[in-house]
Amino acid sequence: MALSGVEIFKLLPKTNCKKCGHPTCLAFAMKLAQRQATLDLCPDVSEEAKQKLGEASAPPVRPITIGSGDKAVKMGEETVLFRHDKKFVNPAVFAVEVRDSQSEADIASVCAQVISSEIDRVGQKLRIDAIVISNESGDAAKLEAAAKTVASKAAGVPVIISTTNPQAAESAVKHFTDKKPVIFGANAANVEAMAAVAKNNKAALGIAAANLDELSVLTEKVKSLGVEDIIMDSGAKKAKEIIANNTLIRRAAIKKNFKPLGYPIINFIQREDSMHEALVATVCVAKYASIIVLSSMEKWKNLALFALRQNIYTDPQVPMQVEQKIYNIGDVKPDSPLFVTTNFSLTYFIVSGEIENSKVPSRLAVMDSEGLSVLTAWAAGKFTATKIAQFINESGIEKEVSNKELIIPGYVAILSGSIEEKLPGWKITVGPREANAIPTFLKSRV
């Protein structure tokens, strides 16, 4: 039973020390009751209170980490149904399937594609996160051979071993000792044996159910067998089934605090038609999947899915921002053009992309405007002549350029005179209003 804010407050230190980031212990207690804060934010809570409050303050969707090192991924820990209520916490994991019926060379090729899938988009590293090794052959030896290949060719990449054969799972998982793998394939017929394999190898256990009723029964059974880290497959395969089941699971966990369904969701959506697969994947990203299993990873599909996931898993109340600094685009020289803009991620992404398309090496001075776009930042007093001049002076860029010319966005042409007054010796040039005009603008100057 969830505790009320007042009941939680009685167990807190009541010092109002603000170390948790909230003004009073009562305010913190209310956030704990609403699942909008975690108990570890309070450094002074007693061990007795930790024990009593642990389950009450835990997020309704259990957090689980798979893999290890810098490629480990965390899932779950969600507290809301809609991202505008707060934000979605841990981005969905994209996993690609290899089958033990494939040749060693084919499996190695998929591993290489996973390793090289990483891209940098607005300052974030995005990639295919995991590999699913499927026991398509039904042969334990073949599954182990496939696992051995993946372990050697994709070291460090989180792994999901998919089989309903406990003996096959046991032989394959040994290649990922201490790597926090997932063993997927527990069902009503093999649940005890699969739970034992997962427990003995410190692996998360994936449950394959035919429906939601069976799923909740199996999660309770697995937990009673001593496995805490559980991943759930409700059996949904079609987009409409995925939307229905994933939504019901999330609502039960968030709104009803129904513990048997308070675990990350995995959706297997492999399709022969890659476009169809991509479209179903978008449904999974938007509707609560924690792991999405794909059959292929074409670059166009990766980019589309990475961008969607990145956008959905940002905080809608905090604009996406990039670091304030001067970015070199291409092989810049002392006389290369110097642009200035704000640090709104989308602005940076579009402007830098158009400069790159122009093939004219340039510098892009990105100024901290709290993540606002050019016009919004100017209207809010965060992209002014004074602040631009201060940024340019403090950046030290004057020592690296020979022409001391600064190109400002066309939308703030009104600032050109003021900036020239505050940057003596600099020439201020008004650039295009729209980013897509930058290539023509640059080429006309060559």
Protein backbone atom coordinates (compact mmCIF):
# COMPACT_ATOMS: atom_id res chain seq x y z
CA MET A 1 0.00 0.00 0.00
CA ALA A 2 1.39 3.41 -0.96
CA LEU A 3 1.99 5.82 1.91
CA SER A 4 0.52 9.31 1.99
CA GLY A 5 2.69 12.40 2.10
CA VAL A 6 1.93 12.93 5.78
CA GLU A 7 2.82 9.30 6.63
CA ILE A 8 6.12 9.67 4.79
CA PHE A 9 6.79 13.01 6.51
CA LYS A 10 6.59 11.34 9.93
CA LEU A 11 9.55 9.14 8.96
CA LEU A 12 11.77 11.94 7.67
CA PRO A 13 14.34 13.88 9.80
CA LYS A 14 12.13 17.04 9.83
CA THR A 15 15.19 19.30 9.74
CA ASN A 16 14.13 21.27 6.64
CA CYS A 17 17.81 21.32 5.64
CA LYS A 18 17.00 21.68 1.91
CA LYS A 19 19.76 19.19 0.99
CA CYS A 20 17.21 17.24 -1.04
CA GLY A 21 16.48 20.28 -3.20
CA HIS A 22 13.08 20.97 -1.65
CA PRO A 23 12.29 23.80 0.80
CA THR A 24 10.91 21.60 3.59
CA CYS A 25 10.75 17.95 4.61
CA LEU A 26 6.98 18.08 4.09
CA ALA A 27 7.39 19.27 0.51
CA PHE A 28 9.88 16.45 -0.08
CA ALA A 29 7.46 13.95 1.46
CA MET A 30 4.70 15.09 -0.89
CA LYS A 31 7.02 14.58 -3.88
CA LEU A 32 7.89 11.10 -2.63
CA ALA A 33 4.21 10.26 -2.31
CA GLN A 34 3.63 11.43 -5.89
CA ARG A 35 6.59 9.36 -7.16
CA GLN A 36 8.28 12.56 -8.31
CA ALA A 37 11.36 12.18 -6.11
CA THR A 38 13.49 9.36 -4.71
CA LEU A 39 14.50 8.74 -1.11
CA ASP A 40 18.23 8.81 -1.87
CA LEU A 41 17.98 12.60 -2.22
CA CYS A 42 17.76 12.83 1.59
CA PRO A 43 21.26 12.28 3.08
CA ASP A 44 20.05 12.21 6.69
CA VAL A 45 17.23 9.67 6.55
CA SER A 46 17.58 6.83 9.07
CA GLU A 47 18.10 3.18 8.12
CA GLU A 48 14.77 2.33 9.74
CA ALA A 49 13.02 4.93 7.61
CA LYS A 50 14.82 3.68 4.50
CA GLN A 51 13.48 0.22 5.12
CA LYS A 52 9.92 1.45 5.66
CA LEU A 53 9.98 3.99 2.86
CA GLY A 54 11.97 2.03 0.31
CA GLU A 55 9.03 0.48 -1.48
CA ALA A 56 6.76 3.47 -0.98
CA SER A 57 9.27 5.86 -2.54
CA ALA A 58 10.43 3.52 -5.32
CA PRO A 59 9.38 4.51 -8.84
CA PRO A 60 6.34 2.54 -10.03
CA VAL A 61 8.37 1.07 -12.94
CA ARG A 62 11.42 -0.73 -11.59
CA PRO A 63 14.76 0.65 -12.86
CA ILE A 64 16.95 -1.99 -14.50
CA THR A 65 20.43 -1.68 -15.99
CA ILE A 66 21.68 -4.13 -18.60
CA GLY A 67 25.23 -4.34 -19.85
CA SER A 68 28.28 -2.87 -18.15
CA GLY A 69 30.79 -0.10 -18.65
CA ASP A 70 30.15 2.90 -20.90
CA LYS A 71 27.73 0.95 -23.12
CA ALA A 72 25.42 -0.07 -20.26
CA VAL A 73 21.83 1.12 -20.64
CA LYS A 74 19.26 1.87 -17.97
CA MET A 75 15.53 1.44 -18.43
CA GLY A 76 12.38 1.77 -16.37
CA GLU A 77 12.15 4.25 -13.46
CA GLU A 78 9.25 6.02 -15.16
CA THR A 79 6.79 7.97 -13.05
CA VAL A 80 4.32 9.54 -15.49
CA LEU A 81 1.98 8.61 -18.33
CA PHE A 82 2.58 11.76 -20.35
CA ARG A 83 5.88 13.57 -20.84
CA HIS A 84 4.32 17.01 -20.31
CA ASP A 85 3.49 15.94 -16.73
CA LYS A 86 7.19 15.67 -15.95
CA LYS A 87 9.40 13.84 -18.45
CA PHE A 88 10.18 10.32 -19.57
CA VAL A 89 13.34 9.24 -17.80
CA ASN A 90 15.27 6.45 -19.53
CA PRO A 91 15.16 6.29 -23.34
CA ALA A 92 13.93 3.14 -25.04
CA VAL A 93 16.67 0.66 -25.93
CA PHE A 94 17.01 -0.28 -29.60
CA ALA A 95 18.19 -3.88 -30.01
CA VAL A 96 18.89 -5.77 -33.24
CA GLU A 97 18.39 -9.51 -33.58
CA VAL A 98 20.94 -12.11 -34.65
CA ARG A 99 19.82 -15.73 -35.06
CA ASP A 100 21.89 -18.75 -34.18
CA SER A 101 20.94 -20.22 -37.56
CA GLN A 102 23.01 -17.51 -39.25
CA SER A 103 26.63 -18.08 -40.20
CA GLU A 104 29.43 -16.81 -37.98
CA ALA A 105 30.35 -14.29 -40.68
CA ASP A 106 26.79 -12.93 -40.84
CA ILE A 107 26.61 -12.60 -37.06
CA ALA A 108 29.98 -10.85 -37.02
CA SER A 109 28.73 -8.48 -39.73
CA VAL A 110 25.72 -7.49 -37.61
CA CYS A 111 28.02 -6.93 -34.62
CA ALA A 112 30.19 -4.63 -36.74
CA GLN A 113 27.13 -2.65 -37.81
CA VAL A 114 26.06 -2.25 -34.18
CA ILE A 115 29.52 -1.00 -33.20
CA SER A 116 29.54 1.53 -36.06
CA SER A 117 25.92 2.67 -35.59
CA GLU A 118 26.77 5.55 -33.24
CA ILE A 119 26.04 9.06 -34.44
CA ASP A 120 26.37 12.46 -32.78
CA ARG A 121 23.18 14.49 -32.89
CA VAL A 122 23.06 17.85 -31.15
CA GLY A 123 25.74 16.83 -28.71
CA GLN A 124 24.34 13.42 -27.78
CA LYS A 125 25.75 10.03 -28.76
CA LEU A 126 22.99 7.87 -30.24
CA ARG A 127 23.33 4.23 -31.27
CA ILE A 128 21.86 0.75 -31.48
CA ASP A 129 22.09 -0.23 -27.83
CA ALA A 130 21.88 -4.02 -27.62
CA ILE A 131 21.97 -7.34 -29.46
CA VAL A 132 19.35 -10.08 -29.15
CA ILE A 133 20.70 -13.60 -29.74
CA SER A 134 17.77 -15.80 -30.76
CA ASN A 135 17.78 -19.58 -30.44
CA GLU A 136 15.99 -19.99 -33.78
CA SER A 137 17.58 -23.40 -34.38
CA GLY A 138 16.45 -24.82 -31.06
CA ASP A 139 19.99 -26.21 -30.69
CA ALA A 140 21.82 -25.32 -27.48
CA ALA A 141 25.25 -25.72 -29.10
CA LYS A 142 24.37 -23.31 -31.91
CA LEU A 143 23.08 -20.75 -29.45
CA GLU A 144 26.30 -20.99 -27.47
CA ALA A 145 28.36 -20.58 -30.65
CA ALA A 146 26.39 -17.48 -31.61
CA ALA A 147 26.82 -16.08 -28.09
CA LYS A 148 30.57 -16.68 -28.28
CA THR A 149 30.75 -14.78 -31.59
CA VAL A 150 28.79 -11.83 -30.22
CA ALA A 151 30.92 -11.76 -27.05
CA SER A 152 34.11 -11.49 -29.13
CA LYS A 153 32.89 -9.24 -31.95
CA ALA A 154 30.71 -6.83 -29.95
CA ALA A 155 32.44 -6.72 -26.59
CA GLY A 156 30.67 -4.44 -24.14
CA VAL A 157 27.38 -4.26 -26.06
CA PRO A 158 24.45 -5.31 -23.82
CA VAL A 159 23.05 -8.72 -24.75
CA ILE A 160 19.64 -10.40 -24.59
CA ILE A 161 19.66 -14.19 -24.92
CA SER A 162 16.32 -15.34 -26.31
CA THR A 163 15.42 -19.00 -25.76
CA THR A 164 12.82 -21.08 -23.96
CA ASN A 165 15.41 -23.80 -23.22
CA PRO A 166 16.95 -23.31 -19.76
CA GLN A 167 19.94 -25.51 -20.63
CA ALA A 168 20.63 -23.48 -23.78
CA ALA A 169 20.32 -20.26 -21.79
CA GLU A 170 22.78 -21.60 -19.21
CA SER A 171 25.39 -22.48 -21.82
CA ALA A 172 25.07 -19.14 -23.65
CA VAL A 173 24.98 -16.80 -20.69
CA LYS A 174 28.37 -17.93 -19.37
CA HIS A 175 30.00 -15.87 -22.14
CA PHE A 176 28.62 -12.71 -20.50
CA THR A 177 29.63 -13.21 -16.88
CA ASP A 178 29.36 -9.96 -14.91
CA LYS A 179 27.98 -8.16 -18.00
CA LYS A 180 24.39 -7.97 -16.73
CA PRO A 181 22.73 -9.74 -19.66
CA VAL A 182 19.04 -10.51 -20.09
CA ILE A 183 17.77 -14.06 -20.43
CA PHE A 184 14.47 -13.88 -22.29
CA GLY A 185 11.98 -16.70 -22.70
CA ALA A 186 10.49 -17.53 -19.30
CA ASN A 187 6.94 -18.84 -19.60
CA ALA A 188 4.45 -20.87 -17.61
CA ALA A 189 6.15 -24.13 -18.55
CA ASN A 190 9.77 -23.26 -17.74
CA VAL A 191 9.58 -20.37 -15.28
CA GLU A 192 11.26 -22.09 -12.33
CA ALA A 193 14.21 -23.38 -14.34
CA MET A 194 14.68 -20.07 -16.18
CA ALA A 195 14.49 -18.09 -12.93
CA ALA A 196 17.22 -20.32 -11.49
CA VAL A 197 19.49 -19.66 -14.49
CA ALA A 198 18.91 -15.91 -14.25
CA LYS A 199 19.49 -15.85 -10.50
CA ASN A 200 22.67 -17.93 -10.68
CA ASN A 201 24.13 -15.75 -13.41
CA LYS A 202 22.98 -12.37 -12.05
CA ALA A 203 20.95 -11.74 -15.17
CA ALA A 204 17.63 -9.99 -15.69
CA LEU A 205 14.82 -12.33 -16.75
CA GLY A 206 12.49 -11.65 -19.64
CA ILE A 207 8.98 -13.09 -19.44
CA ALA A 208 7.06 -14.12 -22.55
CA ALA A 209 3.32 -14.22 -21.87
CA ALA A 210 0.27 -14.77 -24.03
CA ASN A 211 -1.76 -11.98 -22.40
CA LEU A 212 -1.76 -9.47 -19.54
CA ASP A 213 -3.38 -11.81 -17.02
CA GLU A 214 -0.73 -14.45 -17.57
CA LEU A 215 1.97 -11.79 -17.48
CA SER A 216 1.07 -10.56 -14.01
CA VAL A 217 0.92 -14.11 -12.67
CA LEU A 218 4.36 -14.87 -14.09
CA THR A 219 6.01 -11.71 -12.75
CA GLU A 220 4.79 -12.52 -9.23
CA LYS A 221 6.03 -16.09 -9.62
CA VAL A 222 9.47 -14.93 -10.81
CA LYS A 223 9.78 -12.44 -7.97
CA SER A 224 8.87 -15.14 -5.44
CA LEU A 225 11.72 -17.21 -6.89
CA GLY A 226 14.21 -14.49 -6.00
CA VAL A 227 14.62 -12.62 -9.29
CA GLU A 228 14.02 -8.89 -8.94
CA ASP A 229 15.04 -7.60 -12.39
CA ILE A 230 12.22 -8.54 -14.75
CA ILE A 231 11.40 -7.50 -18.33
CA MET A 232 7.93 -8.16 -19.72
CA ASP A 233 6.55 -9.16 -23.11
CA SER A 234 2.74 -9.17 -23.16
CA GLY A 235 2.68 -11.05 -26.47
CA ALA A 236 1.58 -8.01 -28.49
CA LYS A 237 2.92 -7.98 -32.04
CA LYS A 238 0.61 -5.72 -34.08
CA ALA A 239 0.78 -1.96 -33.58
CA LYS A 240 -2.76 -1.70 -32.18
CA GLU A 241 -2.05 -4.52 -29.70
CA ILE A 242 1.20 -2.88 -28.63
CA ILE A 243 -0.56 0.44 -28.00
CA ALA A 244 -3.36 -1.25 -26.02
CA ASN A 245 -1.20 -3.57 -23.91
CA ASN A 246 1.63 -1.12 -23.23
CA THR A 247 -0.84 1.58 -22.21
CA LEU A 248 -2.72 -0.76 -19.88
CA ILE A 249 0.55 -1.88 -18.30
CA ARG A 250 1.79 1.67 -17.78
CA ARG A 251 -1.56 2.84 -16.37
CA ALA A 252 -1.68 -0.10 -13.96
CA ALA A 253 1.84 0.66 -12.73
CA ILE A 254 1.54 4.45 -12.52
CA LYS A 255 -2.08 5.03 -11.55
CA LYS A 256 -2.86 1.89 -9.56
CA ASN A 257 0.65 1.13 -8.25
CA PHE A 258 0.07 -2.46 -9.43
CA LYS A 259 3.44 -4.01 -8.63
CA PRO A 260 3.12 -7.16 -10.82
CA LEU A 261 3.19 -4.91 -13.91
CA GLY A 262 5.74 -2.40 -12.64
CA TYR A 263 8.59 -3.54 -14.87
CA PRO A 264 10.13 -2.48 -18.21
CA ILE A 265 8.39 -3.65 -21.40
CA ILE A 266 10.06 -5.37 -24.34
CA ASN A 267 8.42 -5.45 -27.79
CA PHE A 268 9.55 -7.78 -30.59
CA ILE A 269 8.55 -6.07 -33.82
CA GLN A 270 10.68 -7.73 -36.50
CA ARG A 271 9.17 -7.29 -39.99
CA GLU A 272 10.32 -8.26 -43.49
CA ASP A 273 9.34 -4.80 -44.71
CA SER A 274 11.83 -2.40 -43.13
CA MET A 275 9.55 0.63 -43.53
CA HIS A 276 6.73 -1.24 -41.78
CA GLU A 277 9.13 -2.18 -38.99
CA ALA A 278 10.22 1.44 -38.59
CA LEU A 279 6.62 2.62 -38.34
CA VAL A 280 5.79 0.04 -35.66
CA ALA A 281 8.97 1.05 -33.81
CA THR A 282 7.73 4.65 -33.64
CA VAL A 283 4.61 3.40 -31.87
CA CYS A 284 6.77 1.53 -29.36
CA VAL A 285 8.97 4.57 -28.69
CA ALA A 286 5.94 6.78 -28.06
CA LYS A 287 3.98 4.21 -26.09
CA TYR A 288 6.15 3.01 -23.27
CA ALA A 289 8.44 0.29 -24.67
CA SER A 290 11.74 0.01 -22.80
CA ILE A 291 13.34 -2.39 -25.31
CA ILE A 292 12.45 -2.49 -29.02
CA VAL A 293 13.78 -5.48 -30.97
CA LEU A 294 14.48 -4.81 -34.66
CA SER A 295 15.48 -7.16 -37.46
CA SER A 296 17.69 -4.66 -39.29
CA MET A 297 19.40 -1.30 -38.83
CA GLU A 298 19.60 0.60 -42.08
CA LYS A 299 21.12 4.06 -41.64
CA TRP A 300 17.95 5.88 -42.71
CA LYS A 301 15.91 3.92 -40.18
CA ASN A 302 18.45 4.46 -37.42
CA LEU A 303 18.49 8.22 -37.96
CA ALA A 304 14.69 8.48 -37.96
CA LEU A 305 14.27 6.36 -34.83
CA PHE A 306 17.20 7.95 -32.99
CA ALA A 307 15.82 11.44 -33.63
CA LEU A 308 12.30 10.45 -32.52
CA ARG A 309 13.57 8.82 -29.34
CA GLN A 310 15.82 11.77 -28.55
CA ASN A 311 12.96 14.23 -28.94
CA ILE A 312 10.47 12.23 -26.87
CA TYR A 313 12.97 11.65 -24.06
CA THR A 314 13.86 15.29 -23.52
CA ASP A 315 12.31 17.42 -20.82
CA PRO A 316 9.54 19.47 -22.48
CA GLN A 317 9.95 22.13 -19.80
CA VAL A 318 13.67 22.58 -20.50
CA PRO A 319 14.81 23.49 -24.03
CA MET A 320 17.46 21.25 -25.56
CA GLN A 321 20.82 22.99 -25.36
CA VAL A 322 24.34 22.55 -26.65
CA GLU A 323 27.52 23.67 -24.96
CA GLN A 324 28.52 27.33 -25.23
CA LYS A 325 31.72 27.45 -27.26
CA ILE A 326 33.08 28.17 -30.73
CA TYR A 327 32.68 25.20 -33.06
CA ASN A 328 35.02 24.69 -36.01
CA ILE A 329 33.16 23.36 -39.04
CA GLY A 330 35.59 22.10 -41.65
CA ASP A 331 39.28 22.90 -41.93
CA VAL A 332 39.12 26.49 -40.68
CA LYS A 333 41.82 29.09 -41.30
CA PRO A 334 42.40 32.56 -39.78
CA ASP A 335 40.30 34.19 -42.51
CA SER A 336 37.39 31.70 -42.25
CA PRO A 337 33.93 33.25 -41.63
CA LEU A 338 32.72 33.53 -38.03
CA PHE A 339 28.98 33.19 -37.30
CA VAL A 340 27.24 33.70 -33.96
CA THR A 341 23.97 32.11 -32.84
CA THR A 342 22.19 30.80 -29.73
CA ASN A 343 22.63 27.43 -28.03
CA PHE A 344 19.15 26.07 -28.79
CA SER A 345 20.00 22.58 -30.05
CA LEU A 346 17.75 22.73 -33.09
CA THR A 347 19.21 26.10 -34.10
CA TYR A 348 22.75 24.75 -33.76
CA PHE A 349 21.90 21.55 -35.63
CA ILE A 350 20.31 23.38 -38.57
CA VAL A 351 22.86 26.20 -38.84
CA SER A 352 25.91 23.94 -38.51
CA GLY A 353 24.37 21.55 -41.05
CA GLU A 354 23.89 24.32 -43.61
CA ILE A 355 27.43 25.61 -43.06
CA GLU A 356 28.73 22.08 -43.57
CA ASN A 357 26.65 21.74 -46.75
CA SER A 358 28.22 24.92 -48.12
CA LYS A 359 31.69 23.29 -48.07
CA VAL A 360 33.07 26.64 -46.84
CA PRO A 361 35.07 26.07 -43.61
CA SER A 362 33.63 28.38 -40.95
CA ARG A 363 33.49 28.99 -37.23
CA LEU A 364 30.17 28.97 -35.36
CA ALA A 365 30.13 30.84 -32.05
CA VAL A 366 27.31 29.33 -29.99
CA MET A 367 26.28 31.56 -27.10
CA ASP A 368 24.41 30.39 -24.02
CA SER A 369 20.85 31.71 -24.25
CA GLU A 370 19.33 29.11 -21.89
CA GLY A 371 18.33 27.02 -24.89
CA LEU A 372 16.18 29.66 -26.59
CA SER A 373 16.01 30.28 -30.34
CA VAL A 374 17.41 33.50 -31.81
CA LEU A 375 14.24 35.61 -31.86
CA THR A 376 12.96 34.25 -28.54
CA ALA A 377 16.33 34.86 -26.87
CA TRP A 378 16.52 38.40 -28.28
CA ALA A 379 12.98 39.16 -27.05
CA ALA A 380 13.85 37.75 -23.62
CA GLY A 381 16.99 39.86 -23.33
CA LYS A 382 19.33 36.85 -23.49
CA PHE A 383 20.80 37.53 -26.96
CA THR A 384 21.70 41.21 -26.80
CA ALA A 385 24.54 43.32 -28.15
CA THR A 386 26.15 43.53 -24.71
CA LYS A 387 26.02 39.77 -24.11
CA ILE A 388 27.20 38.91 -27.62
CA ALA A 389 30.15 41.31 -27.29
CA GLN A 390 31.03 39.91 -23.87
CA PHE A 391 30.90 36.34 -25.21
CA ILE A 392 33.14 37.16 -28.19
CA ASN A 393 35.65 39.01 -26.01
CA GLU A 394 35.82 36.26 -23.38
CA SER A 395 36.08 33.49 -25.98
CA GLY A 396 39.53 34.61 -27.10
CA ILE A 397 38.58 34.11 -30.73
CA GLU A 398 40.12 37.49 -31.63
CA LYS A 399 43.57 35.85 -31.44
CA GLU A 400 42.58 33.16 -33.95
CA VAL A 401 41.00 35.24 -36.72
CA SER A 402 42.65 37.66 -39.12
CA ASN A 403 39.66 39.63 -40.39
CA LYS A 404 37.68 40.32 -37.17
CA GLU A 405 34.31 39.98 -38.90
CA LEU A 406 31.27 38.64 -37.04
CA ILE A 407 28.21 37.40 -38.95
CA ILE A 408 24.97 37.77 -36.98
CA PRO A 409 21.58 36.18 -37.76
CA GLY A 410 19.44 38.23 -40.14
CA TYR A 411 16.54 38.21 -37.69
CA VAL A 412 18.51 40.40 -35.27
CA ALA A 413 19.94 42.81 -37.85
CA ILE A 414 18.81 45.59 -35.54
CA LEU A 415 21.71 44.69 -33.20
CA SER A 416 24.48 45.26 -35.75
CA GLY A 417 25.21 48.88 -34.83
CA SER A 418 25.16 48.24 -31.09
CA ILE A 419 27.48 45.25 -31.41
CA GLU A 420 29.98 47.31 -33.47
CA GLU A 421 30.02 49.93 -30.69
CA LYS A 422 30.74 47.27 -28.08
CA LEU A 423 33.30 45.39 -30.20
CA PRO A 424 35.70 48.12 -31.41
CA GLY A 425 37.67 47.05 -34.45
CA TRP A 426 35.18 44.38 -35.47
CA LYS A 427 33.06 44.42 -38.61
CA ILE A 428 29.50 43.21 -38.03
CA THR A 429 27.85 41.61 -41.05
CA VAL A 430 24.15 40.73 -41.18
CA GLY A 431 23.72 37.18 -42.38
CA PRO A 432 20.66 35.40 -43.82
CA ARG A 433 17.38 35.31 -41.95
CA GLU A 434 16.87 31.64 -42.76
CA ALA A 435 19.53 28.95 -42.34
CA ASN A 436 18.86 27.41 -45.76
CA ALA A 437 20.26 30.60 -47.35
CA ILE A 438 23.63 30.18 -45.65
CA PRO A 439 25.30 28.10 -48.45
CA THR A 440 24.46 30.71 -51.08
CA PHE A 441 25.54 33.51 -48.73
CA LEU A 442 28.92 31.87 -48.09
CA LYS A 443 29.62 30.93 -51.67
CA SER A 444 28.90 34.49 -52.79
CA ARG A 445 31.74 35.68 -50.52
CA VAL A 446 34.39 33.32 -51.92
